[in-house]
Amino acid sequence: MNDRRNFVARSSNEKLKKKLITTSVLIAIAVIIGISVYNFTNIEYNNDNTPDGAGKLGDEHIHASILVRIFGDKFDFSLPAYQIKNSWIHFEARDGSTIHMHSTGVKLGYLFESLGITITENCYIFPDQREFCTNEKYSLKFYINQKKIDSITNYVINENDRILISYGNENESQIQEQLIELESQAIIN
């Protein structure tokens, strides 16, 4: 009878030990998730990476579609090097055509700056310093919602905007083809 009681007591102690370990692991996971969420939504807001003119991080969630064509080749923002470089405005989920903006007042120039890309009225410069600048043969063109504009660096996107950046010597019909392609891109929420 004593052996049976000892067996039951050991069995109960082992079950209690397993429950405590499981509970501790679940609590640790919850704490890690909580810290990660806090860091994503607050840390960047409180440091020097805050974009000029931006509101509070998380006060808005806006999506826009973008298409960049250089000499007709589509630039691929779905590559890991261009995914979630900051919490304010970025590409995510391996999608390279939808911009996600998580605050009011964030300018498109900040998105490209965070990707290491420099954009001016006349130049599109890659992180490796390859430059595509307007000259006598080729031009850098910007379109927002099918309207040609001079610069996009200070533009703040609106929900469902469509942004085309095109570099080359395209004629009007080729630009229209790019604009049609841009319109057909899904905006991933």
Protein backbone atom coordinates (compact mmCIF):
# COMPACT_ATOMS: atom_id res chain seq x y z
CA MET A 1 0.00 0.00 0.00
CA ASN A 2 2.88 2.33 0.83
CA ASP A 3 4.41 1.70 -2.61
CA ARG A 4 1.12 2.63 -4.23
CA ARG A 5 0.92 5.89 -2.23
CA ASN A 6 4.53 6.73 -3.11
CA PHE A 7 3.82 6.02 -6.79
CA VAL A 8 0.69 8.23 -6.74
CA ALA A 9 2.57 11.00 -4.90
CA ARG A 10 5.48 10.85 -7.39
CA SER A 11 3.07 10.82 -10.31
CA SER A 12 1.19 13.85 -8.90
CA ASN A 13 4.46 15.70 -8.32
CA GLU A 14 5.62 14.99 -11.89
CA LYS A 15 2.31 16.22 -13.33
CA LEU A 16 2.52 19.38 -11.21
CA LYS A 17 6.13 19.91 -12.31
CA LYS A 18 5.14 19.54 -15.99
CA LYS A 19 2.25 21.99 -15.54
CA LEU A 20 4.57 24.53 -13.91
CA ILE A 21 7.13 24.19 -16.69
CA THR A 22 4.44 24.52 -19.38
CA THR A 23 2.93 27.55 -17.66
CA SER A 24 6.37 29.17 -17.29
CA VAL A 25 7.15 28.63 -20.98
CA LEU A 26 3.79 30.11 -22.03
CA ILE A 27 4.33 33.13 -19.78
CA ALA A 28 7.83 33.63 -21.22
CA ILE A 29 6.44 33.49 -24.77
CA ALA A 30 3.72 36.01 -23.87
CA VAL A 31 6.31 38.37 -22.36
CA ILE A 32 8.54 38.11 -25.45
CA ILE A 33 5.58 38.84 -27.75
CA GLY A 34 4.55 41.77 -25.55
CA ILE A 35 8.04 43.26 -25.60
CA SER A 36 8.24 42.82 -29.39
CA VAL A 37 4.91 44.57 -29.94
CA TYR A 38 5.96 47.39 -27.60
CA ASN A 39 9.28 47.81 -29.41
CA PHE A 40 7.63 47.81 -32.84
CA THR A 41 5.08 50.45 -31.89
CA ASN A 42 6.95 52.67 -29.43
CA ILE A 43 10.72 52.49 -29.48
CA GLU A 44 11.19 53.95 -32.94
CA TYR A 45 8.75 56.75 -32.17
CA ASN A 46 10.87 57.85 -29.22
CA ASN A 47 14.24 58.01 -30.96
CA ASP A 48 15.93 59.99 -33.71
CA ASN A 49 14.47 57.83 -36.51
CA THR A 50 11.14 59.64 -36.36
CA PRO A 51 10.40 61.05 -39.81
CA ASP A 52 9.99 64.83 -40.02
CA GLY A 53 6.33 65.80 -39.82
CA ALA A 54 5.15 62.30 -38.83
CA GLY A 55 2.35 61.76 -36.36
CA LYS A 56 2.32 59.07 -33.71
CA LEU A 57 3.37 55.63 -34.90
CA GLY A 58 0.28 53.47 -35.33
CA ASP A 59 -2.20 56.34 -35.64
CA GLU A 60 -2.96 55.38 -39.24
CA HIS A 61 -2.57 52.42 -41.61
CA ILE A 62 -2.62 53.45 -45.26
CA HIS A 63 -1.77 51.41 -48.38
CA ALA A 64 -0.63 52.50 -51.83
CA SER A 65 0.63 50.70 -54.91
CA ILE A 66 3.96 51.51 -56.53
CA LEU A 67 5.65 50.52 -59.76
CA VAL A 68 9.26 51.47 -60.54
CA ARG A 69 10.52 50.83 -64.07
CA ILE A 70 14.07 51.66 -65.08
CA PHE A 71 14.74 51.22 -68.79
CA GLY A 72 11.54 49.15 -68.79
CA ASP A 73 12.74 46.74 -66.10
CA LYS A 74 10.57 46.43 -63.03
CA PHE A 75 12.36 47.08 -59.75
CA ASP A 76 11.68 44.32 -57.20
CA PHE A 77 10.94 45.64 -53.70
CA SER A 78 9.84 42.13 -52.62
CA LEU A 79 13.47 41.13 -52.03
CA PRO A 80 14.43 40.82 -48.33
CA ALA A 81 16.77 43.81 -48.64
CA TYR A 82 13.72 46.07 -49.10
CA GLN A 83 11.28 44.58 -46.58
CA ILE A 84 10.36 46.40 -43.33
CA LYS A 85 13.34 48.71 -42.93
CA ASN A 86 11.41 50.93 -40.51
CA SER A 87 8.07 50.86 -38.71
CA TRP A 88 6.72 54.06 -40.24
CA ILE A 89 6.49 53.25 -43.95
CA HIS A 90 7.64 50.06 -45.66
CA PHE A 91 7.07 47.02 -47.82
CA GLU A 92 6.13 43.79 -46.03
CA ALA A 93 5.10 40.14 -46.43
CA ARG A 94 7.39 39.68 -49.46
CA ASP A 95 5.14 42.01 -51.44
CA GLY A 96 7.03 44.59 -53.45
CA SER A 97 4.17 46.64 -54.84
CA THR A 98 2.20 47.72 -51.74
CA ILE A 99 3.50 50.47 -49.51
CA HIS A 100 2.29 50.30 -45.89
CA MET A 101 2.30 53.57 -43.95
CA HIS A 102 1.66 53.40 -40.18
CA SER A 103 1.54 57.10 -39.26
CA THR A 104 0.21 60.35 -40.59
CA GLY A 105 2.58 62.72 -42.35
CA VAL A 106 5.30 60.27 -43.47
CA LYS A 107 6.78 61.38 -46.79
CA LEU A 108 7.72 59.02 -49.62
CA GLY A 109 11.26 60.34 -49.49
CA TYR A 110 11.59 58.73 -46.04
CA LEU A 111 10.61 55.34 -47.48
CA PHE A 112 13.33 55.49 -50.13
CA GLU A 113 15.87 56.90 -47.68
CA SER A 114 15.25 53.94 -45.35
CA LEU A 115 15.92 51.61 -48.29
CA GLY A 116 19.21 53.35 -49.08
CA ILE A 117 17.78 54.78 -52.32
CA THR A 118 18.16 58.48 -53.06
CA ILE A 119 15.45 60.17 -55.08
CA THR A 120 15.56 63.74 -56.28
CA GLU A 121 13.58 65.55 -58.97
CA ASN A 122 16.10 64.33 -61.54
CA CYS A 123 17.85 61.24 -60.14
CA TYR A 124 17.14 57.75 -58.83
CA ILE A 125 20.29 56.52 -57.07
CA PHE A 126 20.70 52.95 -55.82
CA PRO A 127 22.58 52.07 -52.63
CA ASP A 128 25.50 50.87 -54.79
CA GLN A 129 25.63 54.42 -56.27
CA ARG A 130 24.29 53.51 -59.72
CA GLU A 131 22.61 56.71 -60.88
CA PHE A 132 19.72 57.15 -63.26
CA CYS A 133 19.48 60.88 -63.83
CA THR A 134 17.59 62.95 -66.36
CA ASN A 135 19.82 63.92 -69.28
CA GLU A 136 19.43 64.69 -73.00
CA LYS A 137 18.48 61.04 -73.82
CA TYR A 138 16.60 59.76 -70.76
CA SER A 139 14.32 61.20 -68.13
CA LEU A 140 13.04 60.37 -64.66
CA LYS A 141 9.27 60.70 -64.46
CA PHE A 142 6.82 60.53 -61.55
CA TYR A 143 3.08 59.87 -61.71
CA ILE A 144 0.60 59.75 -58.85
CA ASN A 145 -2.88 58.51 -59.72
CA GLN A 146 -2.01 58.92 -63.43
CA LYS A 147 -1.08 62.59 -63.01
CA LYS A 148 2.50 63.58 -63.83
CA ILE A 149 4.26 65.43 -61.01
CA ASP A 150 7.73 66.94 -60.65
CA SER A 151 8.85 65.20 -57.45
CA ILE A 152 7.61 62.58 -54.97
CA THR A 153 10.01 63.08 -52.07
CA ASN A 154 7.63 65.29 -50.05
CA TYR A 155 4.47 63.46 -51.06
CA VAL A 156 2.43 61.81 -48.27
CA ILE A 157 0.46 58.85 -49.62
CA ASN A 158 -3.29 58.50 -49.38
CA GLU A 159 -5.24 55.25 -49.24
CA ASN A 160 -5.14 53.42 -52.60
CA ASP A 161 -2.77 55.87 -54.30
CA ARG A 162 -1.01 54.56 -57.41
CA ILE A 163 2.59 55.71 -57.85
CA LEU A 164 4.69 55.24 -60.98
CA ILE A 165 8.40 56.03 -61.19
CA SER A 166 9.76 55.56 -64.70
CA TYR A 167 13.24 56.16 -66.07
CA GLY A 168 14.12 55.91 -69.74
CA ASN A 169 13.08 57.37 -73.05
CA GLU A 170 9.51 56.02 -73.09
CA ASN A 171 6.98 57.62 -75.36
CA GLU A 172 3.46 58.50 -74.21
CA SER A 173 2.04 55.14 -75.26
CA GLN A 174 4.71 53.24 -73.29
CA ILE A 175 3.98 55.38 -70.21
CA GLN A 176 0.29 54.57 -70.63
CA GLU A 177 1.15 50.84 -70.67
CA GLN A 178 3.07 51.27 -67.41
CA LEU A 179 0.14 53.18 -65.88
CA ILE A 180 -2.23 50.38 -66.92
CA GLU A 181 0.11 47.82 -65.35
CA LEU A 182 0.19 49.91 -62.16
CA GLU A 183 -3.63 50.06 -62.07
CA SER A 184 -3.80 46.26 -62.34
CA GLN A 185 -1.55 45.67 -59.31
CA ALA A 186 -3.38 44.45 -56.22
CA ILE A 187 -3.00 46.53 -53.08
CA ILE A 188 -2.40 44.12 -50.20
CA ASN A 189 -3.90 45.23 -46.91
